[in-house]
Amino acid sequence: MKEVLLALVAGLVVGMLFRFLKLPLPAPPVFSAVVGVFGVYFGGVLLDWIMKMVQQ
């Protein structure tokens, strides 16, 4: 959980810094792209979990 909170804080700081410097945000411009990134990550996690269950 600590890693998640640190990542969130780091993301907030970077977002504010980029906005302050009037630079484009270094992130997908739409919410659906962000959800897609989460989907890719959780798909990998899910497959790892399924593979562990099958091997038992």
PDB file of N, CA and C in Angstrom:
ATOM      1  N   MET A   1       0.825  -1.192   0.000  1.00  0.00           N
ATOM      2  CA  MET A   1       0.000   0.000   0.000  1.00  0.00           C
ATOM      3  C   MET A   1       0.873   1.263   0.000  1.00  0.00           C
ATOM      4  N   LYS A   2       2.024   1.157   0.653  1.00  0.00           N
ATOM      5  CA  LYS A   2       2.927   2.309   0.715  1.00  0.00           C
ATOM      6  C   LYS A   2       3.378   2.715  -0.687  1.00  0.00           C
ATOM      7  N   GLU A   3       3.669   1.709  -1.541  1.00  0.00           N
ATOM      8  CA  GLU A   3       4.096   1.995  -2.911  1.00  0.00           C
ATOM      9  C   GLU A   3       3.007   2.720  -3.687  1.00  0.00           C
ATOM     10  N   VAL A   4       1.777   2.316  -3.477  1.00  0.00           N
ATOM     11  CA  VAL A   4       0.652   2.942  -4.190  1.00  0.00           C
ATOM     12  C   VAL A   4       0.512   4.408  -3.778  1.00  0.00           C
ATOM     13  N   LEU A   5       0.607   4.675  -2.495  1.00  0.00           N
ATOM     14  CA  LEU A   5       0.498   6.058  -2.023  1.00  0.00           C
ATOM     15  C   LEU A   5       1.665   6.910  -2.508  1.00  0.00           C
ATOM     16  N   LEU A   6       2.874   6.344  -2.491  1.00  0.00           N
ATOM     17  CA  LEU A   6       4.031   7.086  -2.997  1.00  0.00           C
ATOM     18  C   LEU A   6       3.896   7.363  -4.496  1.00  0.00           C
ATOM     19  N   ALA A   7       3.391   6.399  -5.246  1.00  0.00           N
ATOM     20  CA  ALA A   7       3.187   6.601  -6.682  1.00  0.00           C
ATOM     21  C   ALA A   7       2.139   7.682  -6.935  1.00  0.00           C
ATOM     22  N   LEU A   8       1.082   7.681  -6.138  1.00  0.00           N
ATOM     23  CA  LEU A   8       0.046   8.706  -6.279  1.00  0.00           C
ATOM     24  C   LEU A   8       0.604  10.092  -5.976  1.00  0.00           C
ATOM     25  N   VAL A   9       1.352  10.205  -4.892  1.00  0.00           N
ATOM     26  CA  VAL A   9       1.949  11.496  -4.534  1.00  0.00           C
ATOM     27  C   VAL A   9       2.922  11.951  -5.619  1.00  0.00           C
ATOM     28  N   ALA A  10       3.753  11.034  -6.104  1.00  0.00           N
ATOM     29  CA  ALA A  10       4.708  11.388  -7.164  1.00  0.00           C
ATOM     30  C   ALA A  10       3.969  11.841  -8.418  1.00  0.00           C
ATOM     31  N   GLY A  11       2.901  11.152  -8.763  1.00  0.00           N
ATOM     32  CA  GLY A  11       2.108  11.536  -9.925  1.00  0.00           C
ATOM     33  C   GLY A  11       1.477  12.907  -9.766  1.00  0.00           C
ATOM     34  N   LEU A  12       0.969  13.189  -8.584  1.00  0.00           N
ATOM     35  CA  LEU A  12       0.377  14.501  -8.326  1.00  0.00           C
ATOM     36  C   LEU A  12       1.416  15.611  -8.448  1.00  0.00           C
ATOM     37  N   VAL A  13       2.595  15.372  -7.891  1.00  0.00           N
ATOM     38  CA  VAL A  13       3.667  16.376  -7.949  1.00  0.00           C
ATOM     39  C   VAL A  13       4.091  16.614  -9.399  1.00  0.00           C
ATOM     40  N   VAL A  14       4.275  15.536 -10.153  1.00  0.00           N
ATOM     41  CA  VAL A  14       4.679  15.672 -11.557  1.00  0.00           C
ATOM     42  C   VAL A  14       3.596  16.386 -12.355  1.00  0.00           C
ATOM     43  N   GLY A  15       2.342  16.027 -12.131  1.00  0.00           N
ATOM     44  CA  GLY A  15       1.249  16.693 -12.831  1.00  0.00           C
ATOM     45  C   GLY A  15       1.203  18.180 -12.540  1.00  0.00           C
ATOM     46  N   MET A  16       1.364  18.553 -11.282  1.00  0.00           N
ATOM     47  CA  MET A  16       1.356  19.972 -10.919  1.00  0.00           C
ATOM     48  C   MET A  16       2.559  20.702 -11.510  1.00  0.00           C
ATOM     49  N   LEU A  17       3.729  20.047 -11.493  1.00  0.00           N
ATOM     50  CA  LEU A  17       4.934  20.664 -12.049  1.00  0.00           C
ATOM     51  C   LEU A  17       4.782  20.905 -13.555  1.00  0.00           C
ATOM     52  N   PHE A  18       4.292  19.898 -14.264  1.00  0.00           N
ATOM     53  CA  PHE A  18       4.103  20.062 -15.707  1.00  0.00           C
ATOM     54  C   PHE A  18       3.087  21.164 -15.997  1.00  0.00           C
ATOM     55  N   ARG A  19       2.005  21.201 -15.241  1.00  0.00           N
ATOM     56  CA  ARG A  19       0.982  22.228 -15.465  1.00  0.00           C
ATOM     57  C   ARG A  19       1.555  23.609 -15.151  1.00  0.00           C
ATOM     58  N   PHE A  20       2.338  23.722 -14.081  1.00  0.00           N
ATOM     59  CA  PHE A  20       2.952  24.999 -13.701  1.00  0.00           C
ATOM     60  C   PHE A  20       3.900  25.495 -14.789  1.00  0.00           C
ATOM     61  N   LEU A  21       4.654  24.560 -15.401  1.00  0.00           N
ATOM     62  CA  LEU A  21       5.590  24.928 -16.450  1.00  0.00           C
ATOM     63  C   LEU A  21       4.914  25.060 -17.821  1.00  0.00           C
ATOM     64  N   LYS A  22       3.594  24.883 -17.839  1.00  0.00           N
ATOM     65  CA  LYS A  22       2.788  24.974 -19.058  1.00  0.00           C
ATOM     66  C   LYS A  22       3.243  23.977 -20.126  1.00  0.00           C
ATOM     67  N   LEU A  23       3.575  22.773 -19.671  1.00  0.00           N
ATOM     68  CA  LEU A  23       3.959  21.681 -20.556  1.00  0.00           C
ATOM     69  C   LEU A  23       2.784  20.723 -20.688  1.00  0.00           C
ATOM     70  N   PRO A  24       2.725  19.971 -21.778  1.00  0.00           N
ATOM     71  CA  PRO A  24       1.662  18.963 -21.886  1.00  0.00           C
ATOM     72  C   PRO A  24       1.864  17.868 -20.836  1.00  0.00           C
ATOM     73  N   LEU A  25       0.775  17.389 -20.303  1.00  0.00           N
ATOM     74  CA  LEU A  25       0.866  16.356 -19.271  1.00  0.00           C
ATOM     75  C   LEU A  25       1.444  15.067 -19.856  1.00  0.00           C
ATOM     76  N   PRO A  26       2.359  14.417 -19.139  1.00  0.00           N
ATOM     77  CA  PRO A  26       2.960  13.178 -19.636  1.00  0.00           C
ATOM     78  C   PRO A  26       2.082  11.966 -19.332  1.00  0.00           C
ATOM     79  N   ALA A  27       0.839  12.028 -19.760  1.00  0.00           N
ATOM     80  CA  ALA A  27      -0.117  10.963 -19.480  1.00  0.00           C
ATOM     81  C   ALA A  27      -1.115  10.894 -20.627  1.00  0.00           C
ATOM     82  N   PRO A  28      -1.803   9.779 -20.768  1.00  0.00           N
ATOM     83  CA  PRO A  28      -2.836   9.706 -21.810  1.00  0.00           C
ATOM     84  C   PRO A  28      -3.871  10.816 -21.605  1.00  0.00           C
ATOM     85  N   PRO A  29      -4.330  11.427 -22.692  1.00  0.00           N
ATOM     86  CA  PRO A  29      -5.218  12.578 -22.570  1.00  0.00           C
ATOM     87  C   PRO A  29      -6.661  12.238 -22.206  1.00  0.00           C
ATOM     88  N   VAL A  30      -7.049  10.991 -22.299  1.00  0.00           N
ATOM     89  CA  VAL A  30      -8.437  10.638 -22.017  1.00  0.00           C
ATOM     90  C   VAL A  30      -8.493   9.531 -20.976  1.00  0.00           C
ATOM     91  N   PHE A  31      -9.588   9.509 -20.251  1.00  0.00           N
ATOM     92  CA  PHE A  31      -9.764   8.547 -19.160  1.00  0.00           C
ATOM     93  C   PHE A  31      -9.757   7.105 -19.680  1.00  0.00           C
ATOM     94  N   SER A  32     -10.318   6.882 -20.858  1.00  0.00           N
ATOM     95  CA  SER A  32     -10.370   5.516 -21.390  1.00  0.00           C
ATOM     96  C   SER A  32      -8.969   4.948 -21.626  1.00  0.00           C
ATOM     97  N   ALA A  33      -8.015   5.794 -21.984  1.00  0.00           N
ATOM     98  CA  ALA A  33      -6.639   5.321 -22.163  1.00  0.00           C
ATOM     99  C   ALA A  33      -6.045   4.886 -20.826  1.00  0.00           C
ATOM    100  N   VAL A  34      -6.344   5.632 -19.777  1.00  0.00           N
ATOM    101  CA  VAL A  34      -5.852   5.277 -18.445  1.00  0.00           C
ATOM    102  C   VAL A  34      -6.464   3.946 -18.006  1.00  0.00           C
ATOM    103  N   VAL A  35      -7.751   3.769 -18.254  1.00  0.00           N
ATOM    104  CA  VAL A  35      -8.412   2.511 -17.909  1.00  0.00           C
ATOM    105  C   VAL A  35      -7.794   1.366 -18.701  1.00  0.00           C
ATOM    106  N   GLY A  36      -7.425   1.608 -19.945  1.00  0.00           N
ATOM    107  CA  GLY A  36      -6.768   0.583 -20.757  1.00  0.00           C
ATOM    108  C   GLY A  36      -5.437   0.152 -20.163  1.00  0.00           C
ATOM    109  N   VAL A  37      -4.672   1.107 -19.655  1.00  0.00           N
ATOM    110  CA  VAL A  37      -3.392   0.779 -19.012  1.00  0.00           C
ATOM    111  C   VAL A  37      -3.636  -0.092 -17.782  1.00  0.00           C
ATOM    112  N   PHE A  38      -4.622   0.264 -16.973  1.00  0.00           N
ATOM    113  CA  PHE A  38      -4.958  -0.569 -15.809  1.00  0.00           C
ATOM    114  C   PHE A  38      -5.398  -1.958 -16.253  1.00  0.00           C
ATOM    115  N   GLY A  39      -6.151  -2.026 -17.341  1.00  0.00           N
ATOM    116  CA  GLY A  39      -6.605  -3.318 -17.851  1.00  0.00           C
ATOM    117  C   GLY A  39      -5.445  -4.215 -18.245  1.00  0.00           C
ATOM    118  N   VAL A  40      -4.454  -3.643 -18.912  1.00  0.00           N
ATOM    119  CA  VAL A  40      -3.274  -4.418 -19.305  1.00  0.00           C
ATOM    120  C   VAL A  40      -2.553  -4.942 -18.071  1.00  0.00           C
ATOM    121  N   TYR A  41      -2.358  -4.089 -17.087  1.00  0.00           N
ATOM    122  CA  TYR A  41      -1.668  -4.502 -15.865  1.00  0.00           C
ATOM    123  C   TYR A  41      -2.447  -5.605 -15.136  1.00  0.00           C
ATOM    124  N   PHE A  42      -3.743  -5.373 -14.915  1.00  0.00           N
ATOM    125  CA  PHE A  42      -4.528  -6.347 -14.167  1.00  0.00           C
ATOM    126  C   PHE A  42      -4.735  -7.635 -14.961  1.00  0.00           C
ATOM    127  N   GLY A  43      -4.719  -7.558 -16.290  1.00  0.00           N
ATOM    128  CA  GLY A  43      -4.769  -8.771 -17.096  1.00  0.00           C
ATOM    129  C   GLY A  43      -3.551  -9.640 -16.834  1.00  0.00           C
ATOM    130  N   GLY A  44      -2.382  -9.016 -16.757  1.00  0.00           N
ATOM    131  CA  GLY A  44      -1.163  -9.764 -16.442  1.00  0.00           C
ATOM    132  C   GLY A  44      -1.201 -10.362 -15.058  1.00  0.00           C
ATOM    133  N   VAL A  45      -1.680  -9.592 -14.100  1.00  0.00           N
ATOM    134  CA  VAL A  45      -1.796 -10.088 -12.722  1.00  0.00           C
ATOM    135  C   VAL A  45      -2.780 -11.252 -12.666  1.00  0.00           C
ATOM    136  N   LEU A  46      -3.886 -11.120 -13.359  1.00  0.00           N
ATOM    137  CA  LEU A  46      -4.897 -12.178 -13.364  1.00  0.00           C
ATOM    138  C   LEU A  46      -4.350 -13.463 -13.980  1.00  0.00           C
ATOM    139  N   LEU A  47      -3.614 -13.341 -15.071  1.00  0.00           N
ATOM    140  CA  LEU A  47      -3.040 -14.532 -15.695  1.00  0.00           C
ATOM    141  C   LEU A  47      -2.038 -15.195 -14.759  1.00  0.00           C
ATOM    142  N   ASP A  48      -1.214 -14.415 -14.069  1.00  0.00           N
ATOM    143  CA  ASP A  48      -0.286 -14.993 -13.086  1.00  0.00           C
ATOM    144  C   ASP A  48      -1.050 -15.766 -12.021  1.00  0.00           C
ATOM    145  N   TRP A  49      -2.138 -15.213 -11.533  1.00  0.00           N
ATOM    146  CA  TRP A  49      -2.949 -15.853 -10.495  1.00  0.00           C
ATOM    147  C   TRP A  49      -3.562 -17.152 -11.021  1.00  0.00           C
ATOM    148  N   ILE A  50      -4.081 -17.103 -12.250  1.00  0.00           N
ATOM    149  CA  ILE A  50      -4.680 -18.308 -12.855  1.00  0.00           C
ATOM    150  C   ILE A  50      -3.616 -19.390 -13.034  1.00  0.00           C
ATOM    151  N   MET A  51      -2.437 -19.011 -13.495  1.00  0.00           N
ATOM    152  CA  MET A  51      -1.370 -19.984 -13.701  1.00  0.00           C
ATOM    153  C   MET A  51      -0.958 -20.632 -12.382  1.00  0.00           C
ATOM    154  N   LYS A  52      -0.917 -19.875 -11.309  1.00  0.00           N
ATOM    155  CA  LYS A  52      -0.582 -20.448 -10.000  1.00  0.00           C
ATOM    156  C   LYS A  52      -1.657 -21.431  -9.549  1.00  0.00           C
ATOM    157  N   MET A  53      -2.924 -21.119  -9.824  1.00  0.00           N
ATOM    158  CA  MET A  53      -4.019 -21.999  -9.420  1.00  0.00           C
ATOM    159  C   MET A  53      -3.989 -23.310 -10.215  1.00  0.00           C
ATOM    160  N   VAL A  54      -3.658 -23.229 -11.499  1.00  0.00           N
ATOM    161  CA  VAL A  54      -3.635 -24.419 -12.357  1.00  0.00           C
ATOM    162  C   VAL A  54      -2.482 -25.340 -11.963  1.00  0.00           C
ATOM    163  N   GLN A  55      -1.347 -24.757 -11.566  1.00  0.00           N
ATOM    164  CA  GLN A  55      -0.168 -25.555 -11.220  1.00  0.00           C
ATOM    165  C   GLN A  55      -0.311 -26.283  -9.889  1.00  0.00           C
ATOM    166  N   GLN A  56      -1.245 -25.926  -9.068  1.00  0.00           N
ATOM    167  CA  GLN A  56      -1.385 -26.571  -7.758  1.00  0.00           C
ATOM    168  C   GLN A  56      -2.016 -27.898  -7.851  1.00  0.00           C
TER     169      GLN A  56
END
